[in-house]
C-alpha atoms as a PDB file:
ATOM      1  CA  MET A   1      11.458 -17.680  -7.774  1.00  0.00           C
ATOM      2  CA  TRP A   2       8.241 -16.226  -6.524  1.00  0.00           C
ATOM      3  CA  THR A   3       5.986 -18.045  -4.116  1.00  0.00           C
ATOM      4  CA  PRO A   4       2.305 -17.584  -3.289  1.00  0.00           C
ATOM      5  CA  LYS A   5       3.446 -15.852  -0.099  1.00  0.00           C
ATOM      6  CA  SER A   6       5.514 -13.301  -2.012  1.00  0.00           C
ATOM      7  CA  GLY A   7       2.605 -12.868  -4.410  1.00  0.00           C
ATOM      8  CA  LEU A   8       0.330 -11.985  -1.511  1.00  0.00           C
ATOM      9  CA  PHE A   9       2.884  -9.488  -0.261  1.00  0.00           C
ATOM     10  CA  LEU A  10       2.992  -7.903  -3.728  1.00  0.00           C
ATOM     11  CA  LEU A  11      -0.801  -7.782  -3.782  1.00  0.00           C
ATOM     12  CA  GLY A  12      -0.760  -6.002  -0.423  1.00  0.00           C
ATOM     13  CA  SER A  13       1.803  -3.543  -1.737  1.00  0.00           C
ATOM     14  CA  CYS A  14      -0.323  -2.778  -4.803  1.00  0.00           C
ATOM     15  CA  VAL A  15      -3.493  -2.296  -2.758  1.00  0.00           C
ATOM     16  CA  ALA A  16      -1.682  -0.012  -0.313  1.00  0.00           C
ATOM     17  CA  ALA A  17      -0.214   2.030  -3.180  1.00  0.00           C
ATOM     18  CA  ILE A  18      -3.653   2.399  -4.783  1.00  0.00           C
ATOM     19  CA  ALA A  19      -5.073   3.514  -1.427  1.00  0.00           C
ATOM     20  CA  ALA A  20      -2.307   6.109  -1.090  1.00  0.00           C
ATOM     21  CA  VAL A  21      -2.889   7.534  -4.562  1.00  0.00           C
ATOM     22  CA  GLY A  22      -6.646   7.565  -4.038  1.00  0.00           C
ATOM     23  CA  SER A  23      -6.240   9.350  -0.716  1.00  0.00           C
ATOM     24  CA  ILE A  24      -4.012  11.979  -2.306  1.00  0.00           C
ATOM     25  CA  PHE A  25      -6.613  12.650  -4.993  1.00  0.00           C
ATOM     26  CA  GLU A  26      -9.428  12.747  -2.442  1.00  0.00           C
ATOM     27  CA  LEU A  27      -7.549  15.222  -0.250  1.00  0.00           C
ATOM     28  CA  SER A  28      -6.611  17.396  -3.201  1.00  0.00           C
ATOM     29  CA  SER A  29     -10.243  17.589  -4.317  1.00  0.00           C
ATOM     30  CA  GLY A  30     -11.059  19.634  -1.237  1.00  0.00           C
ATOM     31  CA  GLN A  31     -13.922  17.490   0.058  1.00  0.00           C
ATOM     32  CA  PRO A  32     -12.973  13.848   0.614  1.00  0.00           C
ATOM     33  CA  ASP A  33     -15.878  11.408   0.788  1.00  0.00           C
ATOM     34  CA  TRP A  34     -14.780  10.093   4.199  1.00  0.00           C
ATOM     35  CA  GLY A  35     -13.676  13.484   5.530  1.00  0.00           C
ATOM     36  CA  ASN A  36     -10.199  14.913   6.005  1.00  0.00           C
ATOM     37  CA  LEU A  37      -9.134  13.025   9.122  1.00  0.00           C
ATOM     38  CA  PRO A  38     -10.004   9.460   8.044  1.00  0.00           C
ATOM     39  CA  THR A  39      -8.569  10.021   4.565  1.00  0.00           C
ATOM     40  CA  SER A  40      -5.367  11.440   6.077  1.00  0.00           C
ATOM     41  CA  ILE A  41      -5.098   8.407   8.352  1.00  0.00           C
ATOM     42  CA  VAL A  42      -5.486   6.063   5.376  1.00  0.00           C
ATOM     43  CA  LEU A  43      -2.786   8.004   3.545  1.00  0.00           C
ATOM     44  CA  ALA A  44      -0.447   8.000   6.543  1.00  0.00           C
ATOM     45  CA  LEU A  45      -0.804   4.234   6.957  1.00  0.00           C
ATOM     46  CA  SER A  46      -0.775   3.209   3.313  1.00  0.00           C
ATOM     47  CA  ILE A  47       2.490   4.911   2.331  1.00  0.00           C
ATOM     48  CA  PRO A  48       4.728   2.969   4.737  1.00  0.00           C
ATOM     49  CA  MET A  49       2.721  -0.229   4.236  1.00  0.00           C
ATOM     50  CA  THR A  50       3.473  -0.086   0.511  1.00  0.00           C
ATOM     51  CA  GLY A  51       7.178  -0.223   1.259  1.00  0.00           C
ATOM     52  CA  VAL A  52       6.846  -2.816   4.014  1.00  0.00           C
ATOM     53  CA  PHE A  53       4.858  -5.212   1.831  1.00  0.00           C
ATOM     54  CA  PHE A  54       7.193  -4.715  -1.125  1.00  0.00           C
ATOM     55  CA  TYR A  55      10.265  -5.329   1.018  1.00  0.00           C
ATOM     56  CA  ALA A  56       8.665  -8.481   2.452  1.00  0.00           C
ATOM     57  CA  ALA A  57       7.865  -9.741  -1.056  1.00  0.00           C
ATOM     58  CA  VAL A  58      11.434  -9.208  -2.275  1.00  0.00           C
ATOM     59  CA  LYS A  59      12.885 -10.766   0.862  1.00  0.00           C
ATOM     60  CA  ASP A  60      10.634 -13.830   0.538  1.00  0.00           C
ATOM     61  CA  ALA A  61      11.395 -14.257  -3.154  1.00  0.00           C
ATOM     62  CA  ARG A  62      15.155 -14.040  -2.537  1.00  0.00           C
ATOM     63  CA  ALA A  63      14.917 -16.557   0.295  1.00  0.00           C
ATOM     64  CA  ASN A  64      13.330 -19.061  -2.071  1.00  0.00           C
ATOM     65  CA  MET A  65      15.897 -18.804  -4.872  1.00  0.00           C
END
């Protein structure tokens, strides 16, 4: 059973995944809007955060079954 808390974790996972994909496209375009370093930082942070938020959502949902 999902809870609002697990829903927020899933939302965070989705936002982080979208940020990662967007950063990849920006970097592959050659001239990111924010520059190479900030876009690379966003990419480096968003990839692990996607997994962390997803894991937290699954863990919370299983705890409430």
